[in-house]
C-alpha cells in the first residue's frame, strides 16, 4: 500500500479518537474548553482580541462521526483567534520581513523555495489585524485549499489566502490540530463548504464555523506522540523503498552493461564465432535483396578504432546496426493519414505515445487505420515481433510490436531482422536499453528545439555481436535476472 495512504488512515484514526486509548483521570475536553472560553473573555476585555458574533450551537446533523465521550465537538473560532490578512496586496520589497504566502505552506511543513518580502514599514501597517508568531498554525484558504503547517519563523507576516490560527492559550496543541486539519475527514468538510469552480476556496467567516473534535490536553499530547512515532516508521519504510528502487535500477543497468561487454555468461568455443553468424546474416540479406523484399543500399563505412568504446571477447564482432536489421521509415508522402481520419478500431497506427514498458499498449491513445488507408501506405508496415524505435522527440524509446499487422507514424522507424531467428531481435532489444545505445544517440542527435535522429544515422550505430548460441544464453540469463530487479523497484 502507498505510504501516503497509510498516513491518511492514521490521521483518520487520530481525529476519530481511535489512535490511543482514553484515560478517565486525564479529565474531559469540556473542562479544557471552559478554561479556554474564560481566557478568551479576559483577552476580549483587555482589547487583545476582537469580540465576535455568537456562534450557533452544533446540531446533531452537523456531526459527521462519533468521538469518545470525554471529547467535545467545537467550532474552530471557539478555540482559535483568527488572523486574516484580507485587503489590498502588500507592497513587496527585495528584503525585510518574510512574507508567507500560500505557496510556502504545504501539507504539514513549510517550504521556502519561493521567497517574498515586505518592508518593515509595510509590516507595521499590517499589524492592526494581528501578528503571526513562531508556533502559530497556518492554513491556506485557496490555491491550494486546506494545506496546514506550523509557522517556524520569528519575524514574518502572512499574505492573502493564508489564515493564522492563534491559540487562546498554551493548552491547545497546534500540531494535533494541524494533523486533524490534514485528515481526510476534515478535508471533506472543507470541500463541502468551499466555493469556486476552477480554484476551490473557503471564506474565513465560513471556516470559523467548521467543527473539529477537541480532546483533553494530555490525550492531545499522546496522540501527537503516537502519530509522530508511526510517521517516523513510515518514513523509514519509504526511504528503504526508494533505496531498493534505486538499487533495482542500478542492478538492471549493471546487467545490461555486462551483457554488451560479453561478461554476463561465459564464452564457449564450440558455439562458433560472431564472424560466422555475421556471414550467415549477410547471405540472408543478399537473398532478401534478390527477392525484391528489401532494397539494396550503399555499403556502410568500416568501423574505425575510434568508434570502438570497449573491448569484447575474441569470438564477438563489432558491427553496425544496419548490418543486423533492415531499418524502415514510414510512408511520409501523400498517403500519410491525417489525425482526424484515424479510427478507434482497425489496424494499429502507432506513435511514441503508444510505447510503454517496451511494448505497444492497446488503450484509448491507440488510433487505427481502416483497410483502405492501410493498403495505400507504401512503407512503414509492421509485422509481429518487429522492433520500433522513436527517432523524434522521445529519442530511443522503443518496443517490440505484438500484433500481426500495423503501421508506424513519422516519429518511428522499424527494425526488422534479416535472419529468421527471434533471438537476434531479443538481443538487440536489450542493446536498445543499454547505455551504449543512448551514447550513440548522443553522437548523432541533430535536433535543437526537438531531439531528432536521422534513420541513416541510426544505421551507423555500433553494436557488439555475439555468436547466436551465446545470444540465446544471454537472453535467458537476462530474463532470469531482471525479475529480481523489478522486485527491488
Protein backbone atom coordinates (compact mmCIF):
# COMPACT_ATOMS: atom_id res chain seq x y z
CA UNK A 1 0.00 0.00 0.00
CA UNK A 2 1.16 3.54 -0.75
CA UNK A 3 2.70 5.07 2.39
CA UNK A 4 0.82 8.36 1.86
CA UNK A 5 -2.46 6.43 2.03
CA UNK A 6 -1.29 4.79 5.26
CA UNK A 7 -0.53 8.21 6.74
CA UNK A 8 -4.00 9.45 5.84
CA UNK A 9 -5.53 6.40 7.52
CA UNK A 10 -3.51 7.14 10.67
CA UNK A 11 -4.80 10.73 10.71
CA UNK A 12 -8.35 9.48 10.23
CA UNK A 13 -7.96 7.22 13.27
CA UNK A 14 -6.47 10.12 15.22
CA UNK A 15 -9.34 12.54 14.53
CA UNK A 16 -11.89 9.85 15.45
CA UNK A 17 -10.20 9.24 18.82
CA UNK A 18 -9.19 5.69 17.87
CA UNK A 19 -5.40 6.02 17.76
CA UNK A 20 -4.73 5.97 21.54
CA UNK A 21 -6.82 4.81 24.46
CA UNK A 22 -8.85 7.24 26.58
CA UNK A 23 -7.74 7.58 30.23
CA UNK A 24 -10.51 8.88 32.54
CA UNK A 25 -8.13 10.51 35.03
CA UNK A 26 -6.89 12.84 32.28
CA UNK A 27 -10.12 14.80 32.56
CA UNK A 28 -12.51 15.88 29.87
CA UNK A 29 -12.42 18.19 26.89
CA UNK A 30 -15.37 20.09 28.41
CA UNK A 31 -13.20 21.30 31.31
CA UNK A 32 -10.48 22.37 28.90
CA UNK A 33 -12.99 24.11 26.65
CA UNK A 34 -14.45 26.10 29.55
CA UNK A 35 -10.97 27.20 30.59
CA UNK A 36 -10.31 28.47 27.04
CA UNK A 37 -13.59 30.41 26.99
CA UNK A 38 -12.68 32.12 30.29
CA UNK A 39 -9.31 33.10 28.86
CA UNK A 40 -10.96 34.32 25.66
CA UNK A 41 -13.38 36.55 27.62
CA UNK A 42 -10.44 38.01 29.51
CA UNK A 43 -8.48 38.79 26.30
CA UNK A 44 -11.54 40.45 24.75
CA UNK A 45 -11.95 42.62 27.85
CA UNK A 46 -8.29 43.63 27.62
CA UNK A 47 -8.72 44.52 23.93
CA UNK A 48 -6.18 41.91 22.82
CA UNK A 49 -8.60 40.07 20.55
CA UNK A 50 -11.85 41.15 18.93
CA UNK A 51 -15.26 40.12 20.15
CA UNK A 52 -17.24 38.23 17.54
CA UNK A 53 -20.85 37.32 16.98
CA UNK A 54 -22.03 34.30 18.98
CA UNK A 55 -21.74 31.07 17.07
CA UNK A 56 -24.73 28.72 16.72
CA UNK A 57 -24.86 25.56 18.78
CA UNK A 58 -23.55 22.47 16.99
CA UNK A 59 -26.52 20.44 15.80
CA UNK A 60 -26.71 16.66 15.52
CA UNK A 61 -26.93 16.99 11.71
CA UNK A 62 -23.52 18.67 11.58
CA UNK A 63 -21.68 15.89 13.41
CA UNK A 64 -20.06 13.65 10.76
CA UNK A 65 -18.85 10.81 13.03
CA UNK A 66 -18.72 9.64 16.63
CA UNK A 67 -15.94 10.69 19.01
CA UNK A 68 -15.05 9.49 22.55
CA UNK A 69 -17.32 10.61 25.41
CA UNK A 70 -14.58 12.72 27.03
CA UNK A 71 -14.01 14.66 23.77
CA UNK A 72 -16.07 17.61 22.54
CA UNK A 73 -17.11 18.96 19.16
CA UNK A 74 -16.14 22.64 18.83
CA UNK A 75 -16.15 25.28 16.13
CA UNK A 76 -12.70 26.43 15.02
CA UNK A 77 -13.12 30.03 16.17
CA UNK A 78 -14.13 28.82 19.65
CA UNK A 79 -10.59 27.58 20.29
CA UNK A 80 -8.57 29.84 17.97
CA UNK A 81 -8.19 33.53 17.28
CA UNK A 82 -8.24 34.04 13.50
CA UNK A 83 -5.77 36.46 11.89
CA UNK A 84 -6.90 37.06 8.31
CA UNK A 85 -4.83 39.40 6.13
CA UNK A 86 -7.55 40.46 3.73
CA UNK A 87 -7.41 43.69 1.79
CA UNK A 88 -5.05 45.03 -0.82
CA UNK A 89 -1.99 43.06 -1.91
CA UNK A 90 1.04 44.09 0.19
CA UNK A 91 3.83 46.04 -1.47
CA UNK A 92 6.77 43.65 -1.98
CA UNK A 93 10.44 44.51 -1.40
CA UNK A 94 13.80 42.87 -2.06
CA UNK A 95 14.41 42.24 1.65
CA UNK A 96 12.87 42.90 5.03
CA UNK A 97 10.12 40.87 6.70
CA UNK A 98 9.45 37.46 5.18
CA UNK A 99 6.00 37.27 3.59
CA UNK A 100 4.49 33.79 4.00
CA UNK A 101 2.25 33.03 1.03
CA UNK A 102 0.06 30.02 0.24
CA UNK A 103 2.91 28.58 -1.84
CA UNK A 104 5.08 28.29 1.30
CA UNK A 105 2.55 26.20 3.22
CA UNK A 106 2.49 22.50 2.35
CA UNK A 107 0.80 19.54 3.97
CA UNK A 108 2.45 19.53 7.37
CA UNK A 109 5.60 21.53 6.62
CA UNK A 110 6.89 24.90 5.41
CA UNK A 111 8.63 25.26 2.05
CA UNK A 112 10.74 28.36 1.42
CA UNK A 113 11.67 27.64 -2.20
CA UNK A 114 9.73 30.76 -3.15
CA UNK A 115 10.78 33.81 -1.12
CA UNK A 116 8.97 37.13 -0.89
CA UNK A 117 9.46 40.07 1.46
CA UNK A 118 7.75 43.25 2.62
CA UNK A 119 9.39 46.27 4.24
CA UNK A 120 9.27 46.94 7.98
CA UNK A 121 7.03 49.91 7.25
CA UNK A 122 4.60 47.73 5.27
CA UNK A 123 4.71 45.16 8.07
CA UNK A 124 3.84 47.77 10.71
CA UNK A 125 0.89 48.92 8.58
CA UNK A 126 -0.47 45.36 8.64
CA UNK A 127 -0.19 44.63 12.37
CA UNK A 128 -3.60 46.11 13.20
CA UNK A 129 -5.12 42.75 12.28
CA UNK A 130 -2.64 40.86 14.48
CA UNK A 131 0.86 39.43 14.20
CA UNK A 132 1.79 35.90 13.18
CA UNK A 133 4.24 34.34 15.63
CA UNK A 134 6.53 31.34 15.55
CA UNK A 135 4.49 28.27 16.55
CA UNK A 136 1.17 29.55 15.17
CA UNK A 137 -0.90 27.24 12.99
CA UNK A 138 -1.14 28.40 9.36
CA UNK A 139 -3.90 27.47 6.90
CA UNK A 140 -4.35 28.07 3.16
CA UNK A 141 -7.86 29.13 2.12
CA UNK A 142 -7.33 28.85 -1.66
CA UNK A 143 -4.82 27.72 -4.29
CA UNK A 144 -4.30 25.33 -2.63
CA UNK A 145 -7.21 24.85 -0.27
CA UNK A 146 -6.59 23.14 3.05
CA UNK A 147 -2.81 22.99 3.45
CA UNK A 148 -1.67 23.49 7.02
CA UNK A 149 1.70 23.83 8.77
CA UNK A 150 3.31 25.30 11.88
CA UNK A 151 4.98 28.70 11.45
CA UNK A 152 8.70 28.39 12.20
CA UNK A 153 9.83 31.99 11.60
CA UNK A 154 10.39 34.51 14.37
CA UNK A 155 9.58 37.62 12.33
CA UNK A 156 7.11 37.27 9.45
CA UNK A 157 3.79 38.30 8.00
CA UNK A 158 1.22 36.31 6.04
CA UNK A 159 -0.14 37.12 2.62
CA UNK A 160 -3.56 36.69 1.12
CA UNK A 161 -5.14 33.22 1.04
CA UNK A 162 -3.43 32.44 4.38
CA UNK A 163 -5.07 32.47 7.81
CA UNK A 164 -3.21 32.27 11.10
CA UNK A 165 -4.86 30.18 13.81
CA UNK A 166 -3.58 31.68 17.07
CA UNK A 167 -4.05 29.81 20.32
CA UNK A 168 -6.11 31.42 23.06
CA UNK A 169 -3.64 29.86 25.48
CA UNK A 170 -0.99 27.15 25.52
CA UNK A 171 -3.32 24.31 26.44
CA UNK A 172 -4.05 23.77 22.75
CA UNK A 173 -1.54 21.59 20.90
CA UNK A 174 -1.21 23.19 17.45
CA UNK A 175 0.48 20.14 15.96
CA UNK A 176 -2.51 17.98 16.84
CA UNK A 177 -4.96 20.30 15.12
CA UNK A 178 -2.62 20.51 12.11
CA UNK A 179 -2.90 16.71 11.91
CA UNK A 180 -6.68 16.91 12.28
CA UNK A 181 -6.96 19.55 9.53
CA UNK A 182 -4.88 17.40 7.17
CA UNK A 183 -7.04 14.33 7.76
CA UNK A 184 -9.42 13.26 5.03
CA UNK A 185 -12.39 13.69 7.36
CA UNK A 186 -11.70 17.40 7.88
CA UNK A 187 -10.63 17.92 4.25
CA UNK A 188 -14.00 16.51 3.16
CA UNK A 189 -15.69 19.10 5.38
CA UNK A 190 -13.68 21.81 3.63
CA UNK A 191 -14.79 20.59 0.20
CA UNK A 192 -18.42 20.54 1.30
CA UNK A 193 -18.21 24.20 2.36
CA UNK A 194 -15.89 25.71 -0.26
CA UNK A 195 -16.85 27.90 -3.21
CA UNK A 196 -15.45 28.37 -6.71
CA UNK A 197 -15.25 26.09 -9.75
CA UNK A 198 -11.70 26.25 -11.11
CA UNK A 199 -10.00 27.34 -7.86
CA UNK A 200 -11.72 25.98 -4.77
CA UNK A 201 -11.62 28.30 -1.75
CA UNK A 202 -13.26 28.91 1.60
CA UNK A 203 -14.19 32.21 3.21
CA UNK A 204 -12.77 33.00 6.64
CA UNK A 205 -16.23 33.52 8.10
CA UNK A 206 -17.30 30.08 6.92
CA UNK A 207 -14.07 28.49 8.11
CA UNK A 208 -14.68 29.80 11.62
CA UNK A 209 -17.91 27.82 11.84
CA UNK A 210 -16.45 24.44 10.79
CA UNK A 211 -16.43 21.86 13.54
CA UNK A 212 -13.48 19.80 14.77
CA UNK A 213 -13.07 17.22 17.56
CA UNK A 214 -11.43 18.53 20.74
CA UNK A 215 -9.66 16.01 23.05
CA UNK A 216 -8.40 16.52 26.64
CA UNK A 217 -4.98 18.17 26.92
CA UNK A 218 -2.91 15.13 27.94
CA UNK A 219 -4.55 12.99 25.29
CA UNK A 220 -3.70 15.65 22.70
CA UNK A 221 -0.04 15.17 23.58
CA UNK A 222 -0.27 11.38 23.45
CA UNK A 223 -1.95 11.46 20.04
CA UNK A 224 0.85 13.69 18.70
CA UNK A 225 3.49 11.33 20.06
CA UNK A 226 1.76 8.31 18.52
CA UNK A 227 1.29 9.97 15.12
CA UNK A 228 4.93 11.08 15.02
CA UNK A 229 6.11 7.62 16.10
CA UNK A 230 4.11 5.91 13.33
CA UNK A 231 5.03 8.53 10.72
CA UNK A 232 8.73 8.14 11.52
CA UNK A 233 8.44 4.40 10.92
CA UNK A 234 6.58 5.00 7.68
CA UNK A 235 9.32 7.42 6.58
CA UNK A 236 11.93 4.72 7.25
CA UNK A 237 9.91 2.32 5.07
CA UNK A 238 9.55 4.98 2.35
CA UNK A 239 13.30 5.63 2.38
CA UNK A 240 14.01 1.91 2.23
CA UNK A 241 11.63 1.56 -0.74
CA UNK A 242 13.35 4.44 -2.52
CA UNK A 243 16.76 2.86 -1.89
CA UNK A 244 15.51 -0.52 -3.14
CA UNK A 245 14.07 1.08 -6.26
CA UNK A 246 17.36 2.85 -6.91
CA UNK A 247 19.26 -0.40 -6.31
CA UNK A 248 16.92 -2.20 -8.73
CA UNK A 249 17.62 0.37 -11.45
CA UNK A 250 21.36 0.21 -10.82
CA UNK A 251 21.31 -3.59 -10.92
CA UNK A 252 19.42 -3.57 -14.22
CA UNK A 253 21.94 -1.15 -15.71
CA UNK A 254 24.80 -3.32 -14.48
CA UNK A 255 23.25 -6.44 -16.03
CA UNK A 256 22.89 -4.67 -19.39
CA UNK A 257 26.44 -3.32 -19.13
CA UNK A 258 27.79 -6.84 -18.54
CA UNK A 259 25.63 -8.03 -21.46
CA UNK A 260 27.09 -5.72 -24.09
CA UNK A 261 30.65 -6.26 -22.79
CA UNK A 262 30.40 -10.04 -23.11
CA UNK A 263 30.71 -10.63 -19.36
CA UNK A 264 27.23 -11.88 -18.43
CA UNK A 265 27.82 -15.50 -19.48
CA UNK A 266 30.96 -17.43 -20.33
CA UNK A 267 32.16 -17.93 -23.91
CA UNK A 268 32.14 -21.47 -25.33
CA UNK A 269 34.41 -22.24 -28.31
CA UNK A 270 32.05 -24.94 -29.59
CA UNK A 271 29.36 -22.28 -30.17
CA UNK A 272 31.30 -20.79 -33.08
CA UNK A 273 32.04 -17.12 -33.70
CA UNK A 274 30.16 -13.93 -34.40
CA UNK A 275 32.06 -13.72 -37.70
CA UNK A 276 30.31 -16.89 -38.84
CA UNK A 277 26.93 -15.55 -37.72
CA UNK A 278 27.62 -12.24 -39.45
CA UNK A 279 28.37 -14.05 -42.72
CA UNK A 280 25.11 -16.01 -42.38
CA UNK A 281 23.15 -12.78 -41.83
CA UNK A 282 24.73 -11.11 -44.85
CA UNK A 283 23.90 -14.11 -47.01
CA UNK A 284 20.26 -13.91 -45.88
CA UNK A 285 20.30 -10.18 -46.61
CA UNK A 286 21.50 -10.81 -50.18
CA UNK A 287 18.64 -13.27 -50.72
CA UNK A 288 16.08 -10.72 -49.49
CA UNK A 289 17.52 -8.13 -51.89
CA UNK A 290 17.47 -10.62 -54.77
CA UNK A 291 13.84 -11.48 -53.99
CA UNK A 292 12.95 -7.75 -54.01
CA UNK A 293 11.84 -7.82 -50.38
CA UNK A 294 14.33 -5.14 -49.32
CA UNK A 295 16.29 -2.54 -51.26
CA UNK A 296 20.00 -2.66 -51.96
CA UNK A 297 21.80 0.26 -50.34
CA UNK A 298 25.24 1.83 -50.32
CA UNK A 299 27.84 -0.04 -48.25
CA UNK A 300 28.32 1.29 -44.71
CA UNK A 301 31.72 2.63 -43.69
CA UNK A 302 34.13 0.32 -41.87
CA UNK A 303 34.15 0.68 -38.10
CA UNK A 304 37.22 2.64 -37.06
CA UNK A 305 39.25 2.10 -33.88
CA UNK A 306 37.99 5.43 -32.58
CA UNK A 307 34.39 4.19 -32.71
CA UNK A 308 35.03 1.10 -30.57
CA UNK A 309 34.10 2.04 -26.96
CA UNK A 310 35.45 -1.04 -25.14
CA UNK A 311 36.93 -4.48 -25.63
CA UNK A 312 34.78 -7.53 -26.34
CA UNK A 313 35.50 -11.28 -26.37
CA UNK A 314 37.55 -12.59 -29.32
CA UNK A 315 34.56 -14.64 -30.52
CA UNK A 316 32.43 -11.46 -30.82
CA UNK A 317 32.40 -8.85 -33.59
CA UNK A 318 31.67 -5.11 -33.75
CA UNK A 319 29.07 -4.38 -36.45
CA UNK A 320 26.75 -1.57 -37.43
CA UNK A 321 23.06 -1.85 -36.57
CA UNK A 322 22.02 -1.79 -40.24
CA UNK A 323 24.13 -4.90 -40.82
CA UNK A 324 21.85 -6.88 -38.48
CA UNK A 325 18.41 -5.43 -39.24
CA UNK A 326 16.59 -3.68 -42.04
CA UNK A 327 15.70 -0.15 -40.88
CA UNK A 328 12.49 1.13 -42.44
CA UNK A 329 10.89 4.56 -42.36
CA UNK A 330 7.15 5.03 -42.53
CA UNK A 331 5.26 6.42 -45.51
CA UNK A 332 5.63 10.20 -45.23
CA UNK A 333 4.05 11.07 -48.58
CA UNK A 334 0.54 11.92 -49.70
CA UNK A 335 -0.86 8.67 -48.30
CA UNK A 336 0.14 9.55 -44.73
CA UNK A 337 -3.14 9.53 -42.77
CA UNK A 338 -4.35 12.78 -41.20
CA UNK A 339 -5.05 12.58 -37.48
CA UNK A 340 -8.75 13.32 -37.90
CA UNK A 341 -9.15 10.38 -40.30
CA UNK A 342 -7.97 7.76 -37.79
CA UNK A 343 -10.35 5.36 -36.06
CA UNK A 344 -10.87 3.80 -32.63
CA UNK A 345 -10.70 0.30 -34.10
CA UNK A 346 -8.93 -1.29 -37.04
CA UNK A 347 -5.26 -1.74 -37.88
CA UNK A 348 -3.00 -0.06 -35.27
CA UNK A 349 -1.22 3.11 -36.38
CA UNK A 350 1.36 3.63 -33.67
CA UNK A 351 3.46 6.56 -32.49
CA UNK A 352 5.74 7.13 -29.49
CA UNK A 353 2.75 7.76 -27.20
CA UNK A 354 1.69 4.11 -27.61
CA UNK A 355 5.05 2.67 -26.49
CA UNK A 356 5.14 1.65 -22.83
CA UNK A 357 7.25 -0.92 -20.98
CA UNK A 358 8.91 -1.93 -24.26
CA UNK A 359 5.65 -2.97 -25.91
CA UNK A 360 2.68 -1.33 -27.63
CA UNK A 361 -0.20 -0.57 -25.26
CA UNK A 362 -3.70 -1.02 -26.65
CA UNK A 363 -5.71 1.72 -24.91
CA UNK A 364 -7.68 4.87 -25.75
CA UNK A 365 -4.50 6.53 -27.09
CA UNK A 366 -4.03 3.85 -29.76
CA UNK A 367 -5.53 5.04 -33.06
CA UNK A 368 -6.17 2.82 -36.04
CA UNK A 369 -6.33 2.70 -39.82
CA UNK A 370 -9.07 1.12 -41.90
CA UNK A 371 -8.17 -1.42 -44.58
CA UNK A 372 -8.17 1.17 -47.37
CA UNK A 373 -5.83 3.53 -45.51
CA UNK A 374 -3.51 0.64 -44.69
CA UNK A 375 -3.33 -0.63 -48.27
CA UNK A 376 -2.47 2.86 -49.56
CA UNK A 377 0.70 3.01 -47.45
CA UNK A 378 3.84 2.31 -49.42
CA UNK A 379 6.12 1.87 -46.42
CA UNK A 380 6.19 1.50 -42.65
CA UNK A 381 4.02 -1.60 -42.38
CA UNK A 382 4.62 -3.61 -39.23
CA UNK A 383 4.91 -7.34 -38.65
CA UNK A 384 4.67 -9.17 -35.33
CA UNK A 385 7.92 -9.01 -33.28
CA UNK A 386 9.32 -6.08 -35.27
CA UNK A 387 11.23 -3.61 -33.14
CA UNK A 388 10.16 0.03 -33.35
CA UNK A 389 12.37 2.95 -32.29
CA UNK A 390 11.45 6.60 -31.81
CA UNK A 391 13.72 8.96 -33.77
CA UNK A 392 11.91 12.25 -32.99
CA UNK A 393 11.05 13.68 -29.60
CA UNK A 394 11.47 10.77 -27.16
CA UNK A 395 14.69 9.57 -28.83
CA UNK A 396 15.43 5.91 -28.23
CA UNK A 397 12.03 4.97 -26.83
CA UNK A 398 11.40 1.54 -28.26
CA UNK A 399 9.19 -1.54 -28.17
CA UNK A 400 8.59 -4.96 -29.63
CA UNK A 401 5.46 -4.93 -31.81
CA UNK A 402 2.93 -7.54 -30.51
CA UNK A 403 0.24 -7.54 -33.24
CA UNK A 404 0.06 -9.23 -36.65
CA UNK A 405 -0.43 -6.03 -38.67
CA UNK A 406 0.15 -2.33 -38.14
CA UNK A 407 1.89 0.80 -39.37
CA UNK A 408 4.15 3.48 -37.91
CA UNK A 409 3.80 7.23 -37.60
CA UNK A 410 6.54 9.53 -38.84
CA UNK A 411 8.33 9.67 -35.46
CA UNK A 412 9.22 5.96 -35.57
CA UNK A 413 11.29 3.54 -37.61
CA UNK A 414 11.04 -0.25 -37.90
CA UNK A 415 13.95 -2.58 -37.12
CA UNK A 416 13.32 -5.92 -38.84
CA UNK A 417 15.78 -8.81 -38.54
CA UNK A 418 17.26 -10.36 -41.70
CA UNK A 419 17.77 -13.79 -40.17
CA UNK A 420 14.60 -15.68 -39.24
CA UNK A 421 15.54 -16.13 -35.57
CA UNK A 422 13.86 -14.16 -32.78
CA UNK A 423 16.98 -14.39 -30.60
CA UNK A 424 18.75 -11.66 -32.58
CA UNK A 425 15.79 -9.28 -32.14
CA UNK A 426 15.66 -10.05 -28.41
CA UNK A 427 19.39 -9.36 -28.02
CA UNK A 428 19.06 -6.11 -29.98
CA UNK A 429 16.12 -5.09 -27.78
CA UNK A 430 18.39 -5.32 -24.72
CA UNK A 431 21.06 -3.35 -26.58
CA UNK A 432 18.40 -0.65 -27.09
CA UNK A 433 18.07 -0.48 -23.27
CA UNK A 434 21.81 -0.12 -22.69
CA UNK A 435 23.88 2.99 -22.07
CA UNK A 436 25.82 2.29 -25.29
CA UNK A 437 22.71 2.81 -27.44
CA UNK A 438 21.94 6.14 -25.78
CA UNK A 439 25.57 7.19 -26.09
CA UNK A 440 25.29 6.54 -29.83
CA UNK A 441 22.13 8.66 -29.90
CA UNK A 442 24.10 11.50 -28.28
CA UNK A 443 26.65 11.36 -31.12
CA UNK A 444 24.07 11.70 -33.88
CA UNK A 445 21.22 13.74 -32.35
CA UNK A 446 20.79 16.68 -34.75
CA UNK A 447 17.77 18.29 -33.13
CA UNK A 448 17.68 21.69 -31.44
CA UNK A 449 14.23 22.56 -30.07
CA UNK A 450 13.14 18.93 -30.56
CA UNK A 451 15.52 15.95 -30.42
CA UNK A 452 15.86 14.37 -33.84
CA UNK A 453 17.71 11.41 -35.29
CA UNK A 454 18.03 10.60 -39.00
CA UNK A 455 17.32 7.00 -39.96
CA UNK A 456 20.54 6.82 -41.99
CA UNK A 457 22.48 7.82 -38.86
CA UNK A 458 20.74 5.11 -36.83
CA UNK A 459 22.09 2.65 -39.41
CA UNK A 460 25.65 3.54 -38.37
CA UNK A 461 25.24 2.77 -34.66
CA UNK A 462 27.87 0.29 -33.45
CA UNK A 463 26.72 -2.84 -31.63
CA UNK A 464 28.70 -5.82 -30.28
CA UNK A 465 27.59 -9.11 -31.88
CA UNK A 466 27.97 -12.44 -30.02
CA UNK A 467 27.61 -15.91 -31.60
CA UNK A 468 23.94 -16.93 -31.91
CA UNK A 469 24.10 -19.73 -29.31
CA UNK A 470 25.67 -17.33 -26.82
CA UNK A 471 22.96 -14.76 -27.57
CA UNK A 472 20.38 -17.39 -26.59
CA UNK A 473 22.16 -17.95 -23.26
CA UNK A 474 22.50 -14.19 -22.69
CA UNK A 475 18.79 -13.59 -23.29
CA UNK A 476 17.89 -16.49 -20.96
CA UNK A 477 20.19 -15.13 -18.23
CA UNK A 478 18.76 -11.61 -18.53
CA UNK A 479 15.20 -12.97 -18.32
CA UNK A 480 16.25 -14.87 -15.20
CA UNK A 481 17.81 -11.81 -13.52
CA UNK A 482 15.51 -8.91 -14.45
CA UNK A 483 12.57 -10.08 -12.26
CA UNK A 484 14.87 -9.61 -9.25
CA UNK A 485 15.45 -6.01 -10.39
CA UNK A 486 11.70 -5.49 -10.69
CA UNK A 487 11.16 -6.81 -7.16
CA UNK A 488 13.69 -4.31 -5.84
CA UNK A 489 11.92 -1.50 -7.68
